[in-house]
Amino acid sequence: MSSPESVTLAMTGASGAPYGLRLLDCLVREDREVRFLISNAAQLVMAIETDVQLPSKVHMMQAFLTEYTGAAVGQIKIYGTEDWMSPVSSGSSTPSPMVVVPCSTGALSAIATGACNNLIERAADVTLKERRQLILVPREAPYSSIHLEHMLKLSNIGVTILSASPGFYHQPQTIDDLVDFVVARVLNLLNIPQDMLSCWGECHLGNNK
C-alpha cells in the first residue's frame, strides 16, 4: 500500500491541541499536502493549551502555519468551516484520508449521525460515503454510554477510533514524548513513516529517542 499524497486534518474543540499541531508538523515533514480544517472552539483550546494563537482570517492562518511548520508554499491548504466549495466538501475531489484530532464528543456525535452543519462534519461525511479512511482521536474522560454507542456505530462501518491515551512502555521523559506516542500511532495507520515510536516486538523499545 502506497502512502497518501494528501491528508485532510481537522481539529475540533476538545482538549488535545498539541496532538493536532504535532501531526500537522509531521505531515509537512513527510511532504504531504495537508487540507486543514479547524473549528472556532479548537482555536480557543489551542490558545489555552499551547503558545500558538492562530489569526482569524483563513489566508492569514495559512501563511502563519506555513511559516510555523516550515511548509512549502501551498503545501498547507486551509478551508473555512463554511467553505462549501472546498474540495473536501465533495466526493468528486481527489481522494485523501481524514484525521480528526482532537475529536470532540460533539463532533463525534455529528459524524455518527450524518450531520453536516459545518465543513468538518461534511468532510467526514464525504469520507464515509466514499469509503475512505477516517481516523477519530477523541479525548474525553469518562465516556458516557452515548459516546460509546457513537464510537461503536462508527467502528462498525470502518472508522478507526484511536483514543488519545498515550502508553508508557517507551519510557516517556517529557510531555512531548506522550504527544508523540499518539501521533506516531496515527501516522502508522496512515502508512506514513515515523521515527518517534519503535515497533513493538521488532525493534528494541529503548531505541525510539
N, C-alpha and C. Protein backbone atom coordinates (compact mmCIF):
# COMPACT_ATOMS: atom_id res chain seq x y z
N MET A 1 0.85 -1.19 0.00
CA MET A 1 0.00 0.00 0.00
C MET A 1 0.89 1.25 0.00
N SER A 2 0.64 2.14 -0.94
CA SER A 2 1.44 3.36 -1.03
C SER A 2 0.93 4.41 -0.06
N SER A 3 1.81 5.28 0.37
CA SER A 3 1.44 6.33 1.30
C SER A 3 0.61 7.38 0.58
N PRO A 4 -0.33 8.00 1.28
CA PRO A 4 -1.18 9.01 0.64
C PRO A 4 -0.38 10.26 0.31
N GLU A 5 -0.75 10.92 -0.76
CA GLU A 5 -0.10 12.16 -1.13
C GLU A 5 -0.67 13.35 -0.37
N SER A 6 -1.92 13.25 0.04
CA SER A 6 -2.55 14.33 0.80
C SER A 6 -3.36 13.75 1.95
N VAL A 7 -3.52 14.54 2.99
CA VAL A 7 -4.28 14.14 4.17
C VAL A 7 -5.16 15.31 4.59
N THR A 8 -6.42 15.01 4.90
CA THR A 8 -7.30 16.03 5.48
C THR A 8 -7.18 15.95 6.99
N LEU A 9 -6.77 17.05 7.60
CA LEU A 9 -6.59 17.11 9.06
C LEU A 9 -7.56 18.13 9.64
N ALA A 10 -8.41 17.67 10.55
CA ALA A 10 -9.38 18.56 11.20
C ALA A 10 -9.12 18.57 12.70
N MET A 11 -9.26 19.76 13.29
CA MET A 11 -9.14 19.91 14.74
C MET A 11 -10.44 20.49 15.27
N THR A 12 -11.00 19.83 16.29
CA THR A 12 -12.23 20.31 16.91
C THR A 12 -11.98 20.66 18.37
N GLY A 13 -13.00 21.12 19.05
CA GLY A 13 -12.82 21.77 20.34
C GLY A 13 -12.70 20.90 21.56
N ALA A 14 -11.92 19.85 21.48
CA ALA A 14 -11.61 19.05 22.67
C ALA A 14 -10.20 19.38 23.12
N SER A 15 -9.88 19.05 24.36
CA SER A 15 -8.50 19.18 24.81
C SER A 15 -7.63 18.25 23.97
N GLY A 16 -6.42 18.71 23.66
CA GLY A 16 -5.53 17.89 22.86
C GLY A 16 -4.97 18.60 21.64
N ALA A 17 -4.96 19.93 21.69
CA ALA A 17 -4.42 20.71 20.57
C ALA A 17 -2.98 20.32 20.21
N PRO A 18 -2.11 19.99 21.19
CA PRO A 18 -0.74 19.59 20.83
C PRO A 18 -0.68 18.38 19.89
N TYR A 19 -1.66 17.48 20.00
CA TYR A 19 -1.69 16.33 19.09
C TYR A 19 -1.88 16.79 17.65
N GLY A 20 -2.84 17.68 17.44
CA GLY A 20 -3.12 18.15 16.10
C GLY A 20 -1.97 18.92 15.50
N LEU A 21 -1.36 19.79 16.29
CA LEU A 21 -0.23 20.57 15.80
C LEU A 21 0.97 19.68 15.47
N ARG A 22 1.22 18.70 16.31
CA ARG A 22 2.36 17.80 16.07
C ARG A 22 2.12 16.96 14.82
N LEU A 23 0.88 16.51 14.63
CA LEU A 23 0.57 15.73 13.43
C LEU A 23 0.75 16.59 12.19
N LEU A 24 0.30 17.83 12.26
CA LEU A 24 0.48 18.75 11.14
C LEU A 24 1.96 18.88 10.80
N ASP A 25 2.78 19.06 11.81
CA ASP A 25 4.22 19.20 11.61
C ASP A 25 4.81 17.96 10.96
N CYS A 26 4.38 16.79 11.41
CA CYS A 26 4.91 15.53 10.87
C CYS A 26 4.47 15.33 9.41
N LEU A 27 3.25 15.67 9.10
CA LEU A 27 2.76 15.52 7.73
C LEU A 27 3.53 16.44 6.78
N VAL A 28 3.80 17.64 7.25
CA VAL A 28 4.59 18.57 6.44
C VAL A 28 6.00 18.02 6.23
N ARG A 29 6.58 17.50 7.30
CA ARG A 29 7.93 16.96 7.21
C ARG A 29 8.02 15.79 6.24
N GLU A 30 6.93 15.03 6.10
CA GLU A 30 6.90 13.90 5.19
C GLU A 30 6.36 14.28 3.80
N ASP A 31 6.34 15.58 3.54
CA ASP A 31 6.00 16.10 2.20
C ASP A 31 4.57 15.77 1.76
N ARG A 32 3.65 15.72 2.72
CA ARG A 32 2.25 15.52 2.37
C ARG A 32 1.55 16.87 2.22
N GLU A 33 0.65 16.95 1.28
CA GLU A 33 -0.24 18.10 1.22
C GLU A 33 -1.28 17.95 2.32
N VAL A 34 -1.53 19.01 3.06
CA VAL A 34 -2.47 18.93 4.18
C VAL A 34 -3.65 19.85 3.92
N ARG A 35 -4.83 19.27 3.90
CA ARG A 35 -6.07 20.04 3.84
C ARG A 35 -6.51 20.24 5.29
N PHE A 36 -6.38 21.45 5.76
CA PHE A 36 -6.50 21.72 7.19
C PHE A 36 -7.82 22.43 7.51
N LEU A 37 -8.56 21.86 8.47
CA LEU A 37 -9.83 22.42 8.92
C LEU A 37 -9.77 22.58 10.43
N ILE A 38 -10.26 23.70 10.94
CA ILE A 38 -10.23 23.90 12.39
C ILE A 38 -11.47 24.68 12.81
N SER A 39 -12.10 24.22 13.88
CA SER A 39 -13.30 24.89 14.39
C SER A 39 -12.90 26.08 15.25
N ASN A 40 -13.86 26.97 15.49
CA ASN A 40 -13.60 28.12 16.37
C ASN A 40 -13.25 27.66 17.78
N ALA A 41 -13.94 26.62 18.24
CA ALA A 41 -13.67 26.10 19.58
C ALA A 41 -12.26 25.53 19.66
N ALA A 42 -11.80 24.90 18.60
CA ALA A 42 -10.45 24.34 18.59
C ALA A 42 -9.40 25.44 18.65
N GLN A 43 -9.68 26.56 17.99
CA GLN A 43 -8.75 27.69 18.05
C GLN A 43 -8.64 28.24 19.47
N LEU A 44 -9.76 28.26 20.18
CA LEU A 44 -9.76 28.72 21.56
C LEU A 44 -8.96 27.77 22.45
N VAL A 45 -9.18 26.46 22.27
CA VAL A 45 -8.45 25.47 23.06
C VAL A 45 -6.95 25.55 22.76
N MET A 46 -6.61 25.75 21.49
CA MET A 46 -5.20 25.84 21.10
C MET A 46 -4.52 27.00 21.82
N ALA A 47 -5.21 28.13 21.92
CA ALA A 47 -4.64 29.30 22.59
C ALA A 47 -4.42 29.03 24.07
N ILE A 48 -5.24 28.17 24.66
CA ILE A 48 -5.12 27.84 26.08
C ILE A 48 -4.02 26.82 26.32
N GLU A 49 -3.92 25.83 25.45
CA GLU A 49 -3.03 24.69 25.69
C GLU A 49 -1.64 24.85 25.09
N THR A 50 -1.47 25.78 24.16
CA THR A 50 -0.17 25.94 23.51
C THR A 50 0.18 27.43 23.44
N ASP A 51 1.33 27.71 22.86
CA ASP A 51 1.73 29.09 22.66
C ASP A 51 1.35 29.59 21.27
N VAL A 52 0.50 28.85 20.59
CA VAL A 52 0.08 29.19 19.23
C VAL A 52 -1.28 29.87 19.27
N GLN A 53 -1.34 31.06 18.74
CA GLN A 53 -2.60 31.78 18.59
C GLN A 53 -2.79 32.08 17.11
N LEU A 54 -3.71 31.38 16.50
CA LEU A 54 -3.92 31.48 15.07
C LEU A 54 -4.64 32.77 14.69
N PRO A 55 -4.27 33.38 13.58
CA PRO A 55 -5.03 34.52 13.06
C PRO A 55 -6.44 34.07 12.70
N SER A 56 -7.38 34.98 12.72
CA SER A 56 -8.77 34.62 12.46
C SER A 56 -9.08 34.43 10.98
N LYS A 57 -8.38 35.15 10.11
CA LYS A 57 -8.63 35.07 8.67
C LYS A 57 -7.94 33.84 8.08
N VAL A 58 -8.64 33.17 7.17
CA VAL A 58 -8.12 31.93 6.60
C VAL A 58 -6.78 32.14 5.91
N HIS A 59 -6.65 33.17 5.06
CA HIS A 59 -5.41 33.36 4.33
C HIS A 59 -4.25 33.70 5.27
N MET A 60 -4.55 34.42 6.36
CA MET A 60 -3.52 34.74 7.34
C MET A 60 -3.13 33.49 8.14
N MET A 61 -4.11 32.66 8.45
CA MET A 61 -3.84 31.42 9.16
C MET A 61 -2.98 30.49 8.31
N GLN A 62 -3.27 30.45 7.02
CA GLN A 62 -2.49 29.60 6.12
C GLN A 62 -1.04 30.07 6.05
N ALA A 63 -0.85 31.38 5.95
CA ALA A 63 0.51 31.93 5.92
C ALA A 63 1.24 31.66 7.24
N PHE A 64 0.52 31.80 8.36
CA PHE A 64 1.11 31.58 9.68
C PHE A 64 1.56 30.13 9.84
N LEU A 65 0.68 29.17 9.51
CA LEU A 65 1.03 27.77 9.69
C LEU A 65 2.08 27.30 8.70
N THR A 66 2.11 27.90 7.53
CA THR A 66 3.15 27.59 6.56
C THR A 66 4.52 27.96 7.13
N GLU A 67 4.60 29.15 7.71
CA GLU A 67 5.86 29.57 8.32
C GLU A 67 6.16 28.78 9.58
N TYR A 68 5.15 28.53 10.40
CA TYR A 68 5.32 27.83 11.68
C TYR A 68 5.87 26.41 11.48
N THR A 69 5.40 25.73 10.44
CA THR A 69 5.82 24.34 10.20
C THR A 69 6.96 24.23 9.21
N GLY A 70 7.30 25.32 8.55
CA GLY A 70 8.32 25.26 7.52
C GLY A 70 7.84 24.59 6.25
N ALA A 71 6.53 24.65 6.03
CA ALA A 71 5.94 24.01 4.85
C ALA A 71 6.27 24.80 3.59
N ALA A 72 6.21 24.10 2.47
CA ALA A 72 6.35 24.77 1.18
C ALA A 72 5.08 25.58 0.92
N VAL A 73 5.22 26.59 0.09
CA VAL A 73 4.05 27.41 -0.25
C VAL A 73 3.00 26.53 -0.93
N GLY A 74 1.78 26.56 -0.41
CA GLY A 74 0.70 25.76 -0.97
C GLY A 74 0.60 24.36 -0.42
N GLN A 75 1.55 23.96 0.41
CA GLN A 75 1.51 22.60 0.96
C GLN A 75 0.38 22.46 1.98
N ILE A 76 0.13 23.51 2.76
CA ILE A 76 -1.00 23.52 3.68
C ILE A 76 -2.11 24.35 3.06
N LYS A 77 -3.26 23.74 2.91
CA LYS A 77 -4.42 24.43 2.35
C LYS A 77 -5.50 24.48 3.41
N ILE A 78 -5.87 25.68 3.82
CA ILE A 78 -6.84 25.84 4.90
C ILE A 78 -8.19 26.28 4.33
N TYR A 79 -9.24 25.67 4.82
CA TYR A 79 -10.59 25.99 4.38
C TYR A 79 -11.44 26.39 5.58
N GLY A 80 -12.23 27.43 5.42
CA GLY A 80 -13.12 27.87 6.49
C GLY A 80 -14.24 26.88 6.73
N THR A 81 -14.81 26.93 7.92
CA THR A 81 -15.83 25.94 8.29
C THR A 81 -17.12 26.09 7.50
N GLU A 82 -17.27 27.18 6.75
CA GLU A 82 -18.46 27.37 5.91
C GLU A 82 -18.10 27.37 4.42
N ASP A 83 -16.91 26.91 4.08
CA ASP A 83 -16.46 26.92 2.69
C ASP A 83 -16.98 25.69 1.95
N TRP A 84 -18.21 25.77 1.50
CA TRP A 84 -18.86 24.61 0.88
C TRP A 84 -18.34 24.32 -0.53
N MET A 85 -17.54 25.21 -1.09
CA MET A 85 -16.95 24.99 -2.41
C MET A 85 -15.56 24.38 -2.33
N SER A 86 -15.11 24.04 -1.14
CA SER A 86 -13.78 23.46 -0.98
C SER A 86 -13.78 22.00 -1.47
N PRO A 87 -12.62 21.47 -1.85
CA PRO A 87 -12.54 20.09 -2.35
C PRO A 87 -13.06 19.05 -1.35
N VAL A 88 -12.84 19.28 -0.06
CA VAL A 88 -13.21 18.26 0.93
C VAL A 88 -14.71 18.13 1.11
N SER A 89 -15.48 19.05 0.52
CA SER A 89 -16.94 19.00 0.68
C SER A 89 -17.62 18.11 -0.35
N SER A 90 -16.84 17.54 -1.28
CA SER A 90 -17.43 16.74 -2.35
C SER A 90 -16.66 15.46 -2.57
N GLY A 91 -17.38 14.41 -2.86
CA GLY A 91 -16.76 13.12 -3.14
C GLY A 91 -16.06 13.07 -4.48
N SER A 92 -16.29 14.07 -5.32
CA SER A 92 -15.64 14.08 -6.63
C SER A 92 -14.23 14.66 -6.58
N SER A 93 -13.80 15.12 -5.41
CA SER A 93 -12.44 15.66 -5.28
C SER A 93 -11.43 14.53 -5.19
N THR A 94 -10.15 14.89 -5.26
CA THR A 94 -9.08 13.91 -5.15
C THR A 94 -9.16 13.19 -3.80
N PRO A 95 -9.20 11.87 -3.78
CA PRO A 95 -9.34 11.13 -2.52
C PRO A 95 -8.19 11.40 -1.55
N SER A 96 -8.53 11.48 -0.27
CA SER A 96 -7.50 11.57 0.76
C SER A 96 -8.08 11.05 2.06
N PRO A 97 -7.26 10.43 2.90
CA PRO A 97 -7.74 10.02 4.23
C PRO A 97 -7.98 11.24 5.08
N MET A 98 -8.75 11.07 6.14
CA MET A 98 -9.08 12.19 7.04
C MET A 98 -8.83 11.78 8.48
N VAL A 99 -8.23 12.72 9.22
CA VAL A 99 -8.00 12.52 10.65
C VAL A 99 -8.62 13.70 11.40
N VAL A 100 -9.38 13.41 12.44
CA VAL A 100 -9.92 14.45 13.31
C VAL A 100 -9.24 14.31 14.66
N VAL A 101 -8.34 15.27 14.98
CA VAL A 101 -7.54 15.19 16.20
C VAL A 101 -7.25 16.58 16.73
N PRO A 102 -7.70 16.91 17.92
CA PRO A 102 -8.57 16.10 18.76
C PRO A 102 -10.00 16.10 18.22
N CYS A 103 -10.74 15.06 18.53
CA CYS A 103 -12.13 14.95 18.11
C CYS A 103 -13.02 15.12 19.34
N SER A 104 -13.78 16.21 19.36
CA SER A 104 -14.69 16.43 20.48
C SER A 104 -15.84 15.43 20.42
N THR A 105 -16.50 15.22 21.54
CA THR A 105 -17.64 14.30 21.54
C THR A 105 -18.81 14.89 20.74
N GLY A 106 -18.84 16.22 20.63
CA GLY A 106 -19.85 16.85 19.78
C GLY A 106 -19.61 16.52 18.32
N ALA A 107 -18.36 16.61 17.88
CA ALA A 107 -18.01 16.24 16.51
C ALA A 107 -18.25 14.76 16.27
N LEU A 108 -17.90 13.94 17.26
CA LEU A 108 -18.13 12.50 17.17
C LEU A 108 -19.61 12.21 16.94
N SER A 109 -20.46 12.87 17.70
CA SER A 109 -21.90 12.69 17.57
C SER A 109 -22.39 13.10 16.19
N ALA A 110 -21.92 14.25 15.72
CA ALA A 110 -22.35 14.76 14.42
C ALA A 110 -21.93 13.81 13.30
N ILE A 111 -20.72 13.29 13.38
CA ILE A 111 -20.23 12.38 12.35
C ILE A 111 -21.01 11.07 12.37
N ALA A 112 -21.31 10.59 13.58
CA ALA A 112 -22.03 9.32 13.71
C ALA A 112 -23.46 9.42 13.21
N THR A 113 -24.05 10.60 13.26
CA THR A 113 -25.45 10.76 12.86
C THR A 113 -25.60 11.39 11.48
N GLY A 114 -24.49 11.67 10.82
CA GLY A 114 -24.56 12.20 9.47
C GLY A 114 -24.87 13.68 9.38
N ALA A 115 -24.70 14.40 10.47
CA ALA A 115 -24.94 15.84 10.44
C ALA A 115 -23.86 16.51 9.60
N CYS A 116 -24.25 17.56 8.90
CA CYS A 116 -23.29 18.28 8.06
C CYS A 116 -23.47 19.77 8.29
N ASN A 117 -23.37 20.18 9.55
CA ASN A 117 -23.63 21.57 9.91
C ASN A 117 -22.45 22.49 9.66
N ASN A 118 -21.27 21.92 9.43
CA ASN A 118 -20.10 22.72 9.08
C ASN A 118 -19.20 21.88 8.19
N LEU A 119 -18.12 22.46 7.71
CA LEU A 119 -17.29 21.77 6.73
C LEU A 119 -16.58 20.55 7.32
N ILE A 120 -16.23 20.61 8.60
CA ILE A 120 -15.59 19.45 9.21
C ILE A 120 -16.53 18.25 9.18
N GLU A 121 -17.77 18.47 9.57
CA GLU A 121 -18.74 17.38 9.58
C GLU A 121 -19.03 16.89 8.17
N ARG A 122 -19.12 17.82 7.22
CA ARG A 122 -19.37 17.44 5.83
C ARG A 122 -18.19 16.65 5.27
N ALA A 123 -16.97 17.09 5.56
CA ALA A 123 -15.79 16.38 5.07
C ALA A 123 -15.75 14.95 5.60
N ALA A 124 -16.11 14.78 6.87
CA ALA A 124 -16.16 13.44 7.45
C ALA A 124 -17.25 12.60 6.79
N ASP A 125 -18.39 13.24 6.51
CA ASP A 125 -19.49 12.55 5.86
C ASP A 125 -19.08 12.08 4.46
N VAL A 126 -18.38 12.95 3.73
CA VAL A 126 -17.87 12.58 2.40
C VAL A 126 -16.89 11.42 2.52
N THR A 127 -16.00 11.49 3.50
CA THR A 127 -15.03 10.42 3.70
C THR A 127 -15.72 9.09 3.92
N LEU A 128 -16.79 9.11 4.70
CA LEU A 128 -17.54 7.89 4.98
C LEU A 128 -18.25 7.36 3.74
N LYS A 129 -18.94 8.23 3.04
CA LYS A 129 -19.74 7.76 1.89
C LYS A 129 -18.86 7.29 0.74
N GLU A 130 -17.63 7.82 0.67
CA GLU A 130 -16.71 7.39 -0.38
C GLU A 130 -15.83 6.22 0.06
N ARG A 131 -16.10 5.71 1.27
CA ARG A 131 -15.38 4.55 1.81
C ARG A 131 -13.88 4.82 1.92
N ARG A 132 -13.52 6.02 2.33
CA ARG A 132 -12.13 6.37 2.54
C ARG A 132 -11.76 6.21 4.00
N GLN A 133 -10.48 6.30 4.31
CA GLN A 133 -10.01 6.11 5.68
C GLN A 133 -10.35 7.32 6.54
N LEU A 134 -10.98 7.06 7.68
CA LEU A 134 -11.33 8.10 8.64
C LEU A 134 -10.84 7.67 10.02
N ILE A 135 -10.03 8.53 10.64
CA ILE A 135 -9.48 8.27 11.97
C ILE A 135 -9.94 9.37 12.91
N LEU A 136 -10.56 9.00 14.00
CA LEU A 136 -11.02 9.96 15.00
C LEU A 136 -10.23 9.75 16.29
N VAL A 137 -9.73 10.85 16.85
CA VAL A 137 -8.93 10.78 18.07
C VAL A 137 -9.65 11.55 19.18
N PRO A 138 -10.58 10.88 19.88
CA PRO A 138 -11.30 11.56 20.97
C PRO A 138 -10.45 11.70 22.21
N ARG A 139 -10.74 12.73 23.00
CA ARG A 139 -10.03 12.95 24.25
C ARG A 139 -11.08 13.39 25.27
N GLU A 140 -11.65 12.43 25.94
CA GLU A 140 -12.71 12.71 26.91
C GLU A 140 -12.58 11.70 28.03
N ALA A 141 -13.02 12.06 29.24
CA ALA A 141 -12.98 11.12 30.35
C ALA A 141 -13.95 11.59 31.43
N PRO A 142 -14.82 10.71 31.90
CA PRO A 142 -15.09 9.38 31.33
C PRO A 142 -16.01 9.51 30.11
N TYR A 143 -16.17 8.41 29.37
CA TYR A 143 -17.11 8.38 28.25
C TYR A 143 -18.48 7.99 28.76
N SER A 144 -19.51 8.67 28.25
CA SER A 144 -20.88 8.27 28.56
C SER A 144 -21.31 7.15 27.63
N SER A 145 -22.43 6.54 27.92
CA SER A 145 -22.95 5.49 27.05
C SER A 145 -23.24 6.03 25.66
N ILE A 146 -23.66 7.29 25.58
CA ILE A 146 -23.91 7.91 24.28
C ILE A 146 -22.62 7.97 23.47
N HIS A 147 -21.54 8.42 24.10
CA HIS A 147 -20.26 8.49 23.40
C HIS A 147 -19.84 7.11 22.91
N LEU A 148 -19.97 6.11 23.77
CA LEU A 148 -19.55 4.75 23.42
C LEU A 148 -20.41 4.17 22.32
N GLU A 149 -21.71 4.47 22.34
CA GLU A 149 -22.60 3.99 21.27
C GLU A 149 -22.21 4.60 19.93
N HIS A 150 -21.86 5.88 19.95
CA HIS A 150 -21.44 6.52 18.70
C HIS A 150 -20.13 5.92 18.19
N MET A 151 -19.20 5.66 19.10
CA MET A 151 -17.93 5.04 18.71
C MET A 151 -18.15 3.66 18.11
N LEU A 152 -19.03 2.87 18.73
CA LEU A 152 -19.30 1.53 18.23
C LEU A 152 -19.95 1.59 16.85
N LYS A 153 -20.87 2.51 16.69
CA LYS A 153 -21.54 2.68 15.40
C LYS A 153 -20.53 3.00 14.30
N LEU A 154 -19.63 3.93 14.59
CA LEU A 154 -18.63 4.32 13.61
C LEU A 154 -17.61 3.21 13.37
N SER A 155 -17.20 2.54 14.43
CA SER A 155 -16.25 1.44 14.29
C SER A 155 -16.81 0.33 13.41
N ASN A 156 -18.11 0.07 13.53
CA ASN A 156 -18.76 -0.98 12.76
C ASN A 156 -18.80 -0.68 11.27
N ILE A 157 -18.63 0.59 10.89
CA ILE A 157 -18.63 0.92 9.47
C ILE A 157 -17.23 1.28 8.98
N GLY A 158 -16.22 0.94 9.77
CA GLY A 158 -14.85 1.04 9.31
C GLY A 158 -14.04 2.22 9.80
N VAL A 159 -14.63 3.06 10.64
CA VAL A 159 -13.89 4.19 11.19
C VAL A 159 -12.94 3.70 12.27
N THR A 160 -11.74 4.24 12.32
CA THR A 160 -10.79 3.91 13.38
C THR A 160 -10.94 4.91 14.52
N ILE A 161 -11.23 4.41 15.70
CA ILE A 161 -11.31 5.23 16.91
C ILE A 161 -10.01 5.03 17.67
N LEU A 162 -9.18 6.08 17.67
CA LEU A 162 -7.89 6.00 18.33
C LEU A 162 -7.90 6.99 19.50
N SER A 163 -8.20 6.48 20.67
CA SER A 163 -8.30 7.34 21.84
C SER A 163 -6.94 7.97 22.16
N ALA A 164 -6.97 9.22 22.57
CA ALA A 164 -5.73 9.94 22.92
C ALA A 164 -5.24 9.45 24.28
N SER A 165 -4.77 8.21 24.30
CA SER A 165 -4.31 7.57 25.54
C SER A 165 -2.88 7.09 25.35
N PRO A 166 -1.91 7.92 25.69
CA PRO A 166 -0.50 7.54 25.49
C PRO A 166 -0.12 6.32 26.32
N GLY A 167 0.75 5.50 25.76
CA GLY A 167 1.32 4.38 26.52
C GLY A 167 2.56 4.85 27.27
N PHE A 168 3.13 3.94 28.03
CA PHE A 168 4.32 4.29 28.83
C PHE A 168 5.46 3.32 28.64
N TYR A 169 5.27 2.30 27.79
CA TYR A 169 6.33 1.32 27.60
C TYR A 169 7.54 1.89 26.86
N HIS A 170 7.37 3.06 26.25
CA HIS A 170 8.53 3.68 25.59
C HIS A 170 9.28 4.62 26.55
N GLN A 171 8.88 4.57 27.82
CA GLN A 171 9.54 5.33 28.89
C GLN A 171 9.62 6.83 28.57
N PRO A 172 8.46 7.47 28.45
CA PRO A 172 8.45 8.91 28.13
C PRO A 172 9.11 9.75 29.21
N GLN A 173 9.85 10.76 28.77
CA GLN A 173 10.54 11.65 29.70
C GLN A 173 9.90 13.03 29.73
N THR A 174 9.14 13.37 28.70
CA THR A 174 8.55 14.70 28.59
C THR A 174 7.11 14.60 28.09
N ILE A 175 6.40 15.71 28.17
CA ILE A 175 5.05 15.76 27.61
C ILE A 175 5.11 15.53 26.10
N ASP A 176 6.14 16.05 25.46
CA ASP A 176 6.29 15.85 24.02
C ASP A 176 6.36 14.37 23.68
N ASP A 177 7.00 13.57 24.53
CA ASP A 177 7.07 12.13 24.30
C ASP A 177 5.68 11.49 24.32
N LEU A 178 4.83 11.98 25.23
CA LEU A 178 3.46 11.46 25.32
C LEU A 178 2.65 11.85 24.09
N VAL A 179 2.83 13.08 23.64
CA VAL A 179 2.15 13.54 22.43
C VAL A 179 2.61 12.71 21.24
N ASP A 180 3.91 12.50 21.14
CA ASP A 180 4.47 11.76 20.01
C ASP A 180 3.94 10.32 19.95
N PHE A 181 3.67 9.72 21.11
CA PHE A 181 3.16 8.36 21.12
C PHE A 181 1.85 8.27 20.32
N VAL A 182 0.93 9.18 20.61
CA VAL A 182 -0.37 9.17 19.94
C VAL A 182 -0.22 9.53 18.46
N VAL A 183 0.58 10.55 18.18
CA VAL A 183 0.78 10.98 16.79
C VAL A 183 1.43 9.87 15.97
N ALA A 184 2.38 9.17 16.57
CA ALA A 184 3.03 8.06 15.88
C ALA A 184 2.03 6.97 15.51
N ARG A 185 1.08 6.70 16.39
CA ARG A 185 0.06 5.70 16.10
C ARG A 185 -0.81 6.13 14.92
N VAL A 186 -1.12 7.41 14.86
CA VAL A 186 -1.90 7.93 13.73
C VAL A 186 -1.11 7.77 12.43
N LEU A 187 0.16 8.14 12.46
CA LEU A 187 1.00 8.02 11.27
C LEU A 187 1.13 6.57 10.82
N ASN A 188 1.24 5.65 11.76
CA ASN A 188 1.30 4.23 11.41
C ASN A 188 0.04 3.81 10.65
N LEU A 189 -1.11 4.26 11.13
CA LEU A 189 -2.37 3.92 10.48
C LEU A 189 -2.46 4.50 9.07
N LEU A 190 -1.84 5.66 8.89
CA LEU A 190 -1.84 6.31 7.57
C LEU A 190 -0.75 5.74 6.66
N ASN A 191 0.05 4.82 7.20
CA ASN A 191 1.17 4.24 6.45
C ASN A 191 2.18 5.30 6.05
N ILE A 192 2.43 6.22 6.97
CA ILE A 192 3.40 7.28 6.77
C ILE A 192 4.58 7.04 7.72
N PRO A 193 5.79 7.09 7.22
CA PRO A 193 6.97 6.81 8.06
C PRO A 193 7.05 7.74 9.27
N GLN A 194 7.48 7.18 10.39
CA GLN A 194 7.71 7.97 11.60
C GLN A 194 8.83 7.33 12.39
N ASP A 195 9.58 8.16 13.12
CA ASP A 195 10.70 7.64 13.92
C ASP A 195 10.54 7.98 15.39
N MET A 196 9.30 8.24 15.80
CA MET A 196 9.04 8.65 17.19
C MET A 196 8.78 7.47 18.11
N LEU A 197 8.34 6.34 17.53
CA LEU A 197 7.94 5.20 18.35
C LEU A 197 8.38 3.93 17.66
N SER A 198 9.15 3.11 18.38
CA SER A 198 9.61 1.84 17.81
C SER A 198 8.47 0.85 17.71
N CYS A 199 8.59 -0.06 16.77
CA CYS A 199 7.56 -1.09 16.60
C CYS A 199 7.70 -2.16 17.68
N TRP A 200 6.60 -2.53 18.25
CA TRP A 200 6.60 -3.49 19.34
C TRP A 200 7.04 -4.88 18.84
N GLY A 201 7.99 -5.47 19.56
CA GLY A 201 8.39 -6.83 19.25
C GLY A 201 9.38 -6.98 18.12
N GLU A 202 9.61 -5.91 17.37
CA GLU A 202 10.54 -5.98 16.24
C GLU A 202 11.76 -5.10 16.46
N CYS A 203 11.59 -3.99 17.21
CA CYS A 203 12.71 -3.09 17.48
C CYS A 203 12.88 -2.97 18.98
N HIS A 204 14.07 -2.70 19.40
CA HIS A 204 14.33 -2.53 20.83
C HIS A 204 13.58 -1.32 21.33
N LEU A 205 12.82 -1.47 22.41
CA LEU A 205 11.96 -0.41 22.91
C LEU A 205 12.71 0.83 23.31
N GLY A 206 13.94 0.71 23.63
CA GLY A 206 14.70 1.88 24.07
C GLY A 206 15.28 2.69 22.93
N ASN A 207 15.10 2.24 21.68
CA ASN A 207 15.74 2.93 20.55
C ASN A 207 14.79 3.90 19.86
N ASN A 208 13.87 4.50 20.59
CA ASN A 208 12.92 5.39 19.94
C ASN A 208 13.19 6.85 20.29
N LYS A 209 14.31 7.16 20.84
CA LYS A 209 14.62 8.53 21.20
C LYS A 209 15.34 9.22 20.06
